Amino acid sequence: MAAITKIEWTERTWNPVTGCTKVSPGCKNCYAERFAIRLQKMNNPRYKNGFKVTLHGDLLDLPLKWRRPSLIFVNSMSDLFHEEVPAEFIAQAFETMQKAHWHIFQILTKRSQRLRKLAPALPWPPNVWVGVSVELKQYYSRIEDLKTVPATVRFLSCEPLLGPLPDLPLEGVHWVIVGGESGPNARPMKLEWVLDIKAQCQRKNIPFFFKQWGGVQKWRNGRLLEGKEYDEYPSILESWHKTQIAQHVFEENSHGYA
């Protein structure tokens, strides 16, 4: 339920919840659903319910066991703010994130209204980043919900990008990720959509991360945009990284942590 991951903008995944339901066009060809069904067929006990929302309370404290500072994507196989996840369970996940201050946790949701509703009752330490998925312009309301959250880093994941996103309301946004859909039946992403988002970010001095072109075989298409990789992160990451790595080395030398 946790792994070193190939997702380009993070380092680990932590899945105290698995399973989800579709809420918008970006969910149509969900990679997590395909993966969950495959694991169910392999008799993985964590996926005995397939892609139905399932809580794994025994995994809530898992990040506390990882001593090396990491970027951790929270619920790559679900949505922490899904309606079937109790508010109390979400609060427990946030308690773990607050305790595990040496990690950065990246929460991504399509359920921005529930995020907005619950955010005032949750702690927002600087190591908890939160983002919303925006695959089409009709979901700009998710961005407005996101802006009400007092997180140090608020970000957008425009993946799978399914159309142009003109005039993005980027005030109060600290990071933008763009990517094309991958896997069977992947819907194409146009170059002009990506370049426009990149230009909007550059005008606002917002870090831009280009994840992938996607496609049925995404490795063939790669992740170069105009001949280069865009791996930009919020500036806070650099200072956090230096501080936490130094602290980790100190703890290793003092206590023998791994």
C-alpha atoms as a PDB file:
ATOM      1  CA  MET A   1       0.000   0.000   0.000  1.00  0.00           C
ATOM      2  CA  ALA A   2       3.060   2.180  -0.170  1.00  0.00           C
ATOM      3  CA  ALA A   3       5.805   2.214  -2.714  1.00  0.00           C
ATOM      4  CA  ILE A   4       8.622   4.027  -4.353  1.00  0.00           C
ATOM      5  CA  THR A   5       6.733   5.338  -7.362  1.00  0.00           C
ATOM      6  CA  LYS A   6       7.341   6.200 -10.994  1.00  0.00           C
ATOM      7  CA  ILE A   7       4.991   9.197 -10.775  1.00  0.00           C
ATOM      8  CA  GLU A   8       7.294  11.977 -11.888  1.00  0.00           C
ATOM      9  CA  TRP A   9       6.353  14.722  -9.421  1.00  0.00           C
ATOM     10  CA  THR A  10       6.566  12.672  -6.227  1.00  0.00           C
ATOM     11  CA  GLU A  11       8.745   9.999  -4.613  1.00  0.00           C
ATOM     12  CA  ARG A  12       6.474   7.699  -2.614  1.00  0.00           C
ATOM     13  CA  THR A  13       2.801   6.848  -2.409  1.00  0.00           C
ATOM     14  CA  TRP A  14       0.754   6.255   0.740  1.00  0.00           C
ATOM     15  CA  ASN A  15      -2.677   4.677   0.403  1.00  0.00           C
ATOM     16  CA  PRO A  16      -4.643   4.476   3.662  1.00  0.00           C
ATOM     17  CA  VAL A  17      -7.688   4.533   1.364  1.00  0.00           C
ATOM     18  CA  THR A  18      -8.172   2.611  -1.876  1.00  0.00           C
ATOM     19  CA  GLY A  19     -11.008   2.752  -4.364  1.00  0.00           C
ATOM     20  CA  CYS A  20     -12.986   5.626  -5.793  1.00  0.00           C
ATOM     21  CA  THR A  21     -15.940   6.609  -7.997  1.00  0.00           C
ATOM     22  CA  LYS A  22     -16.075   8.728 -11.126  1.00  0.00           C
ATOM     23  CA  VAL A  23     -17.044  12.396 -10.806  1.00  0.00           C
ATOM     24  CA  SER A  24     -15.907  14.076 -14.048  1.00  0.00           C
ATOM     25  CA  PRO A  25     -14.558  13.308 -17.556  1.00  0.00           C
ATOM     26  CA  GLY A  26     -10.989  13.010 -16.294  1.00  0.00           C
ATOM     27  CA  CYS A  27     -12.031   9.844 -14.451  1.00  0.00           C
ATOM     28  CA  LYS A  28     -13.184   7.981 -17.561  1.00  0.00           C
ATOM     29  CA  ASN A  29     -10.014   5.933 -18.109  1.00  0.00           C
ATOM     30  CA  CYS A  30      -8.802   5.904 -14.495  1.00  0.00           C
ATOM     31  CA  TYR A  31      -5.377   4.263 -14.139  1.00  0.00           C
ATOM     32  CA  ALA A  32      -6.031   3.469 -10.466  1.00  0.00           C
ATOM     33  CA  GLU A  33      -9.182   1.521 -11.320  1.00  0.00           C
ATOM     34  CA  ARG A  34      -7.341  -0.591 -13.885  1.00  0.00           C
ATOM     35  CA  PHE A  35      -4.548  -1.265 -11.415  1.00  0.00           C
ATOM     36  CA  ALA A  36      -6.925  -2.131  -8.568  1.00  0.00           C
ATOM     37  CA  ILE A  37      -8.847  -4.641 -10.688  1.00  0.00           C
ATOM     38  CA  ARG A  38      -5.581  -6.245 -11.740  1.00  0.00           C
ATOM     39  CA  LEU A  39      -4.467  -6.552  -8.107  1.00  0.00           C
ATOM     40  CA  GLN A  40      -7.846  -8.004  -7.142  1.00  0.00           C
ATOM     41  CA  LYS A  41      -7.418 -10.720  -9.772  1.00  0.00           C
ATOM     42  CA  MET A  42      -3.980 -11.430  -8.286  1.00  0.00           C
ATOM     43  CA  ASN A  43      -5.697 -11.984  -4.902  1.00  0.00           C
ATOM     44  CA  ASN A  44      -3.980  -9.047  -3.268  1.00  0.00           C
ATOM     45  CA  PRO A  45      -5.798  -8.831   0.099  1.00  0.00           C
ATOM     46  CA  ARG A  46      -5.752  -5.032   0.064  1.00  0.00           C
ATOM     47  CA  TYR A  47      -7.877  -5.100  -3.089  1.00  0.00           C
ATOM     48  CA  LYS A  48     -10.380  -7.807  -2.213  1.00  0.00           C
ATOM     49  CA  ASN A  49     -13.077  -5.148  -2.765  1.00  0.00           C
ATOM     50  CA  GLY A  50     -11.681  -4.195  -6.140  1.00  0.00           C
ATOM     51  CA  PHE A  51     -12.125  -0.468  -6.666  1.00  0.00           C
ATOM     52  CA  LYS A  52     -14.772   0.055  -4.002  1.00  0.00           C
ATOM     53  CA  VAL A  53     -13.777   2.645  -1.414  1.00  0.00           C
ATOM     54  CA  THR A  54     -11.948   0.771   1.342  1.00  0.00           C
ATOM     55  CA  LEU A  55     -10.272   2.143   4.471  1.00  0.00           C
ATOM     56  CA  HIS A  56      -6.964   0.701   5.671  1.00  0.00           C
ATOM     57  CA  GLY A  57      -6.665   1.992   9.209  1.00  0.00           C
ATOM     58  CA  ASP A  58      -3.572  -0.091   9.893  1.00  0.00           C
ATOM     59  CA  LEU A  59      -1.691   2.032   7.352  1.00  0.00           C
ATOM     60  CA  LEU A  60      -2.477   5.403   8.895  1.00  0.00           C
ATOM     61  CA  ASP A  61       0.825   5.559  10.788  1.00  0.00           C
ATOM     62  CA  LEU A  62       2.992   4.140   8.003  1.00  0.00           C
ATOM     63  CA  PRO A  63       4.816   7.388   7.048  1.00  0.00           C
ATOM     64  CA  LEU A  64       6.097   7.662  10.619  1.00  0.00           C
ATOM     65  CA  LYS A  65       8.182   4.552   9.929  1.00  0.00           C
ATOM     66  CA  TRP A  66       9.891   6.119   6.910  1.00  0.00           C
ATOM     67  CA  ARG A  67      12.788   8.094   8.316  1.00  0.00           C
ATOM     68  CA  ARG A  68      14.275   9.354   5.065  1.00  0.00           C
ATOM     69  CA  PRO A  69      12.532  12.613   4.030  1.00  0.00           C
ATOM     70  CA  SER A  70      10.353  12.084   0.962  1.00  0.00           C
ATOM     71  CA  LEU A  71       7.691  13.664  -1.205  1.00  0.00           C
ATOM     72  CA  ILE A  72       4.640  11.497  -0.540  1.00  0.00           C
ATOM     73  CA  PHE A  73       1.560  11.394  -2.774  1.00  0.00           C
ATOM     74  CA  VAL A  74      -1.418  10.734  -0.499  1.00  0.00           C
ATOM     75  CA  ASN A  75      -3.903   8.217  -1.916  1.00  0.00           C
ATOM     76  CA  SER A  76      -2.661   7.658  -5.436  1.00  0.00           C
ATOM     77  CA  MET A  77      -5.281   4.870  -5.520  1.00  0.00           C
ATOM     78  CA  SER A  78      -8.193   6.929  -4.207  1.00  0.00           C
ATOM     79  CA  ASP A  79      -9.277  10.419  -3.127  1.00  0.00           C
ATOM     80  CA  LEU A  80      -8.818  11.334   0.532  1.00  0.00           C
ATOM     81  CA  PHE A  81     -11.851  13.644   0.357  1.00  0.00           C
ATOM     82  CA  HIS A  82     -14.183  11.062  -1.173  1.00  0.00           C
ATOM     83  CA  GLU A  83     -17.661  11.234   0.354  1.00  0.00           C
ATOM     84  CA  GLU A  84     -17.328   7.675   1.701  1.00  0.00           C
ATOM     85  CA  VAL A  85     -14.218   8.513   3.728  1.00  0.00           C
ATOM     86  CA  PRO A  86     -15.335   9.619   7.211  1.00  0.00           C
ATOM     87  CA  ALA A  87     -14.195  13.030   8.400  1.00  0.00           C
ATOM     88  CA  GLU A  88     -12.672  11.349  11.450  1.00  0.00           C
ATOM     89  CA  PHE A  89     -10.505   9.157   9.227  1.00  0.00           C
ATOM     90  CA  ILE A  90      -9.340  12.185   7.254  1.00  0.00           C
ATOM     91  CA  ALA A  91      -8.451  13.911  10.526  1.00  0.00           C
ATOM     92  CA  GLN A  92      -6.382  10.887  11.553  1.00  0.00           C
ATOM     93  CA  ALA A  93      -4.476  11.034   8.265  1.00  0.00           C
ATOM     94  CA  PHE A  94      -3.764  14.718   8.859  1.00  0.00           C
ATOM     95  CA  GLU A  95      -2.555  13.938  12.370  1.00  0.00           C
ATOM     96  CA  THR A  96      -0.002  11.542  10.890  1.00  0.00           C
ATOM     97  CA  MET A  97       1.105  14.127   8.340  1.00  0.00           C
ATOM     98  CA  GLN A  98       1.553  16.702  11.068  1.00  0.00           C
ATOM     99  CA  LYS A  99       3.653  14.294  13.130  1.00  0.00           C
ATOM    100  CA  ALA A 100       5.765  13.229  10.130  1.00  0.00           C
ATOM    101  CA  HIS A 101       7.105  16.754   9.634  1.00  0.00           C
ATOM    102  CA  TRP A 102      10.223  15.524   7.794  1.00  0.00           C
ATOM    103  CA  HIS A 103       8.113  14.482   4.798  1.00  0.00           C
ATOM    104  CA  ILE A 104       6.132  16.596   2.353  1.00  0.00           C
ATOM    105  CA  PHE A 105       2.647  15.219   1.706  1.00  0.00           C
ATOM    106  CA  GLN A 106       0.932  15.959  -1.608  1.00  0.00           C
ATOM    107  CA  ILE A 107      -2.848  15.590  -1.466  1.00  0.00           C
ATOM    108  CA  LEU A 108      -4.758  15.717  -4.747  1.00  0.00           C
ATOM    109  CA  THR A 109      -8.552  15.744  -4.973  1.00  0.00           C
ATOM    110  CA  LYS A 110     -11.395  16.229  -7.413  1.00  0.00           C
ATOM    111  CA  ARG A 111     -13.781  16.735  -4.506  1.00  0.00           C
ATOM    112  CA  SER A 112     -12.921  20.340  -3.842  1.00  0.00           C
ATOM    113  CA  GLN A 113     -16.236  21.190  -2.198  1.00  0.00           C
ATOM    114  CA  ARG A 114     -15.639  18.644   0.551  1.00  0.00           C
ATOM    115  CA  LEU A 115     -12.062  19.849   0.891  1.00  0.00           C
ATOM    116  CA  ARG A 116     -13.351  23.384   1.365  1.00  0.00           C
ATOM    117  CA  LYS A 117     -15.930  22.239   3.911  1.00  0.00           C
ATOM    118  CA  LEU A 118     -13.525  20.205   6.050  1.00  0.00           C
ATOM    119  CA  ALA A 119     -10.394  22.356   5.738  1.00  0.00           C
ATOM    120  CA  PRO A 120     -11.165  24.726   8.661  1.00  0.00           C
ATOM    121  CA  ALA A 121     -11.198  21.797  11.094  1.00  0.00           C
ATOM    122  CA  LEU A 122      -7.904  20.326   9.868  1.00  0.00           C
ATOM    123  CA  PRO A 123      -4.307  21.285  10.711  1.00  0.00           C
ATOM    124  CA  TRP A 124      -2.296  22.702   7.813  1.00  0.00           C
ATOM    125  CA  PRO A 125       1.391  22.410   8.700  1.00  0.00           C
ATOM    126  CA  PRO A 126       3.834  23.608   6.021  1.00  0.00           C
ATOM    127  CA  ASN A 127       4.668  20.046   4.959  1.00  0.00           C
ATOM    128  CA  VAL A 128       1.116  19.386   3.727  1.00  0.00           C
ATOM    129  CA  TRP A 129       0.490  20.504   0.146  1.00  0.00           C
ATOM    130  CA  VAL A 130      -2.940  20.263  -1.431  1.00  0.00           C
ATOM    131  CA  GLY A 131      -4.086  20.347  -5.040  1.00  0.00           C
ATOM    132  CA  VAL A 132      -7.115  19.885  -7.254  1.00  0.00           C
ATOM    133  CA  SER A 133      -7.496  18.217 -10.635  1.00  0.00           C
ATOM    134  CA  VAL A 134      -8.589  20.510 -13.462  1.00  0.00           C
ATOM    135  CA  GLU A 135      -8.936  18.659 -16.750  1.00  0.00           C
ATOM    136  CA  LEU A 136     -11.390  21.048 -18.454  1.00  0.00           C
ATOM    137  CA  LYS A 137     -12.276  24.709 -18.008  1.00  0.00           C
ATOM    138  CA  GLN A 138     -15.718  23.905 -16.587  1.00  0.00           C
ATOM    139  CA  TYR A 139     -13.950  22.774 -13.402  1.00  0.00           C
ATOM    140  CA  TYR A 140     -12.391  26.125 -12.534  1.00  0.00           C
ATOM    141  CA  SER A 141     -14.688  26.152  -9.495  1.00  0.00           C
ATOM    142  CA  ARG A 142     -12.343  23.576  -7.977  1.00  0.00           C
ATOM    143  CA  ILE A 143      -9.590  26.187  -8.082  1.00  0.00           C
ATOM    144  CA  GLU A 144     -11.749  28.690  -6.210  1.00  0.00           C
ATOM    145  CA  ASP A 145     -12.446  26.069  -3.542  1.00  0.00           C
ATOM    146  CA  LEU A 146      -8.733  25.313  -3.318  1.00  0.00           C
ATOM    147  CA  LYS A 147      -7.874  28.955  -2.707  1.00  0.00           C
ATOM    148  CA  THR A 148      -9.856  28.934   0.538  1.00  0.00           C
ATOM    149  CA  VAL A 149      -7.537  26.316   2.037  1.00  0.00           C
ATOM    150  CA  PRO A 150      -4.692  27.691   4.219  1.00  0.00           C
ATOM    151  CA  ALA A 151      -2.034  25.360   2.816  1.00  0.00           C
ATOM    152  CA  THR A 152       1.536  26.552   2.281  1.00  0.00           C
ATOM    153  CA  VAL A 153       1.449  25.107  -1.239  1.00  0.00           C
ATOM    154  CA  ARG A 154      -1.722  24.914  -3.335  1.00  0.00           C
ATOM    155  CA  PHE A 155      -1.343  23.247  -6.719  1.00  0.00           C
ATOM    156  CA  LEU A 156      -3.209  22.237  -9.867  1.00  0.00           C
ATOM    157  CA  SER A 157      -2.960  18.923 -11.663  1.00  0.00           C
ATOM    158  CA  CYS A 158      -4.128  19.444 -15.234  1.00  0.00           C
ATOM    159  CA  GLU A 159      -4.025  15.751 -16.034  1.00  0.00           C
ATOM    160  CA  PRO A 160      -5.436  14.259 -18.072  1.00  0.00           C
ATOM    161  CA  LEU A 161      -5.590  17.560 -19.933  1.00  0.00           C
ATOM    162  CA  LEU A 162      -8.676  17.208 -22.139  1.00  0.00           C
ATOM    163  CA  GLY A 163      -9.059  20.713 -23.516  1.00  0.00           C
ATOM    164  CA  PRO A 164      -7.694  24.253 -23.445  1.00  0.00           C
ATOM    165  CA  LEU A 165      -7.563  26.065 -20.097  1.00  0.00           C
ATOM    166  CA  PRO A 166      -7.663  29.765 -20.985  1.00  0.00           C
ATOM    167  CA  ASP A 167      -7.386  32.473 -18.341  1.00  0.00           C
ATOM    168  CA  LEU A 168      -6.664  30.148 -15.446  1.00  0.00           C
ATOM    169  CA  PRO A 169      -7.362  31.891 -12.110  1.00  0.00           C
ATOM    170  CA  LEU A 170      -3.808  31.425 -10.862  1.00  0.00           C
ATOM    171  CA  GLU A 171      -3.692  34.001  -8.080  1.00  0.00           C
ATOM    172  CA  GLY A 172      -3.052  32.055  -4.884  1.00  0.00           C
ATOM    173  CA  VAL A 173      -1.811  28.975  -6.766  1.00  0.00           C
ATOM    174  CA  HIS A 174       1.808  27.937  -6.194  1.00  0.00           C
ATOM    175  CA  TRP A 175       2.421  25.097  -8.649  1.00  0.00           C
ATOM    176  CA  VAL A 176       0.925  23.680 -11.862  1.00  0.00           C
ATOM    177  CA  ILE A 177       1.360  20.138 -13.206  1.00  0.00           C
ATOM    178  CA  VAL A 178       0.299  19.249 -16.764  1.00  0.00           C
ATOM    179  CA  GLY A 179       0.084  15.810 -18.318  1.00  0.00           C
ATOM    180  CA  GLY A 180      -1.621  13.843 -21.041  1.00  0.00           C
ATOM    181  CA  GLU A 181      -3.723  10.744 -20.516  1.00  0.00           C
ATOM    182  CA  SER A 182      -1.985   7.376 -20.771  1.00  0.00           C
ATOM    183  CA  GLY A 183      -3.097   3.795 -21.195  1.00  0.00           C
ATOM    184  CA  PRO A 184      -5.746   2.105 -23.355  1.00  0.00           C
ATOM    185  CA  ASN A 185      -8.140   4.527 -25.053  1.00  0.00           C
ATOM    186  CA  ALA A 186      -6.007   7.525 -24.058  1.00  0.00           C
ATOM    187  CA  ARG A 187      -7.472  10.793 -25.306  1.00  0.00           C
ATOM    188  CA  PRO A 188      -4.971  13.051 -27.107  1.00  0.00           C
ATOM    189  CA  MET A 189      -3.586  16.270 -25.668  1.00  0.00           C
ATOM    190  CA  LYS A 190      -2.754  19.158 -28.000  1.00  0.00           C
ATOM    191  CA  LEU A 191       0.536  21.035 -27.944  1.00  0.00           C
ATOM    192  CA  GLU A 192      -1.167  24.433 -28.006  1.00  0.00           C
ATOM    193  CA  TRP A 193      -3.078  23.642 -24.799  1.00  0.00           C
ATOM    194  CA  VAL A 194       0.157  22.848 -22.980  1.00  0.00           C
ATOM    195  CA  LEU A 195       2.058  25.853 -24.306  1.00  0.00           C
ATOM    196  CA  ASP A 196      -0.732  28.209 -23.283  1.00  0.00           C
ATOM    197  CA  ILE A 197      -0.739  26.904 -19.709  1.00  0.00           C
ATOM    198  CA  LYS A 198       3.049  27.152 -19.574  1.00  0.00           C
ATOM    199  CA  ALA A 199       2.898  30.756 -20.782  1.00  0.00           C
ATOM    200  CA  GLN A 200       0.265  31.620 -18.177  1.00  0.00           C
ATOM    201  CA  CYS A 201       2.468  30.154 -15.442  1.00  0.00           C
ATOM    202  CA  GLN A 202       5.523  32.025 -16.672  1.00  0.00           C
ATOM    203  CA  ARG A 203       3.653  35.328 -16.663  1.00  0.00           C
ATOM    204  CA  LYS A 204       2.698  34.726 -13.020  1.00  0.00           C
ATOM    205  CA  ASN A 205       6.085  33.245 -12.008  1.00  0.00           C
ATOM    206  CA  ILE A 206       4.425  29.970 -11.034  1.00  0.00           C
ATOM    207  CA  PRO A 207       6.498  26.761 -11.282  1.00  0.00           C
ATOM    208  CA  PHE A 208       5.395  24.587 -14.205  1.00  0.00           C
ATOM    209  CA  PHE A 209       5.850  20.809 -14.241  1.00  0.00           C
ATOM    210  CA  PHE A 210       5.274  18.908 -17.483  1.00  0.00           C
ATOM    211  CA  LYS A 211       4.639  15.294 -16.524  1.00  0.00           C
ATOM    212  CA  GLN A 212       4.098  13.464 -19.804  1.00  0.00           C
ATOM    213  CA  TRP A 213       2.549  13.439 -23.253  1.00  0.00           C
ATOM    214  CA  GLY A 214       0.792  10.187 -22.445  1.00  0.00           C
ATOM    215  CA  GLY A 215      -0.728   7.935 -25.056  1.00  0.00           C
ATOM    216  CA  VAL A 216      -1.311   4.201 -25.250  1.00  0.00           C
ATOM    217  CA  GLN A 217       2.432   3.655 -24.799  1.00  0.00           C
ATOM    218  CA  LYS A 218       3.468   6.776 -22.921  1.00  0.00           C
ATOM    219  CA  TRP A 219       7.153   5.857 -22.885  1.00  0.00           C
ATOM    220  CA  ARG A 220       7.242   6.304 -26.667  1.00  0.00           C
ATOM    221  CA  ASN A 221       6.045   9.896 -26.416  1.00  0.00           C
ATOM    222  CA  GLY A 222       8.229  10.861 -23.462  1.00  0.00           C
ATOM    223  CA  ARG A 223       7.969  14.100 -21.524  1.00  0.00           C
ATOM    224  CA  LEU A 224       9.967  16.626 -23.520  1.00  0.00           C
ATOM    225  CA  LEU A 225       8.242  19.923 -24.271  1.00  0.00           C
ATOM    226  CA  GLU A 226       9.934  22.015 -26.938  1.00  0.00           C
ATOM    227  CA  GLY A 227      13.027  19.875 -26.517  1.00  0.00           C
ATOM    228  CA  LYS A 228      13.389  20.100 -22.742  1.00  0.00           C
ATOM    229  CA  GLU A 229      12.014  18.716 -19.504  1.00  0.00           C
ATOM    230  CA  TYR A 230      10.075  21.031 -17.207  1.00  0.00           C
ATOM    231  CA  ASP A 231      10.576  19.806 -13.649  1.00  0.00           C
ATOM    232  CA  GLU A 232       9.846  22.986 -11.737  1.00  0.00           C
ATOM    233  CA  TYR A 233       8.714  22.884  -8.099  1.00  0.00           C
ATOM    234  CA  PRO A 234       7.666  25.512  -5.553  1.00  0.00           C
ATOM    235  CA  SER A 235      10.737  27.302  -4.199  1.00  0.00           C
ATOM    236  CA  ILE A 236       9.937  26.174  -0.668  1.00  0.00           C
ATOM    237  CA  LEU A 237      10.967  22.649  -1.663  1.00  0.00           C
ATOM    238  CA  GLU A 238      14.655  23.514  -1.978  1.00  0.00           C
ATOM    239  CA  SER A 239      14.955  24.974   1.511  1.00  0.00           C
ATOM    240  CA  TRP A 240      12.879  22.131   2.984  1.00  0.00           C
ATOM    241  CA  HIS A 241      15.034  19.555   1.221  1.00  0.00           C
ATOM    242  CA  LYS A 242      18.291  20.999   2.529  1.00  0.00           C
ATOM    243  CA  THR A 243      16.972  21.257   6.078  1.00  0.00           C
ATOM    244  CA  GLN A 244      15.441  17.793   6.221  1.00  0.00           C
ATOM    245  CA  ILE A 245      18.347  16.000   4.569  1.00  0.00           C
ATOM    246  CA  ALA A 246      20.744  17.638   7.032  1.00  0.00           C
ATOM    247  CA  GLN A 247      18.488  16.583   9.912  1.00  0.00           C
ATOM    248  CA  HIS A 248      18.214  13.052   8.539  1.00  0.00           C
ATOM    249  CA  VAL A 249      21.999  12.724   8.312  1.00  0.00           C
ATOM    250  CA  PHE A 250      22.293  13.984  11.884  1.00  0.00           C
ATOM    251  CA  GLU A 251      19.732  11.445  13.114  1.00  0.00           C
ATOM    252  CA  GLU A 252      21.407   8.619  11.211  1.00  0.00           C
ATOM    253  CA  ASN A 253      24.730   9.459  12.808  1.00  0.00           C
ATOM    254  CA  SER A 254      23.207   9.885  16.255  1.00  0.00           C
ATOM    255  CA  HIS A 255      20.686   7.057  16.380  1.00  0.00           C
ATOM    256  CA  GLY A 256      21.383   4.719  13.485  1.00  0.00           C
ATOM    257  CA  TYR A 257      18.101   5.408  11.622  1.00  0.00           C
ATOM    258  CA  ALA A 258      17.661   4.089   8.082  1.00  0.00           C
END
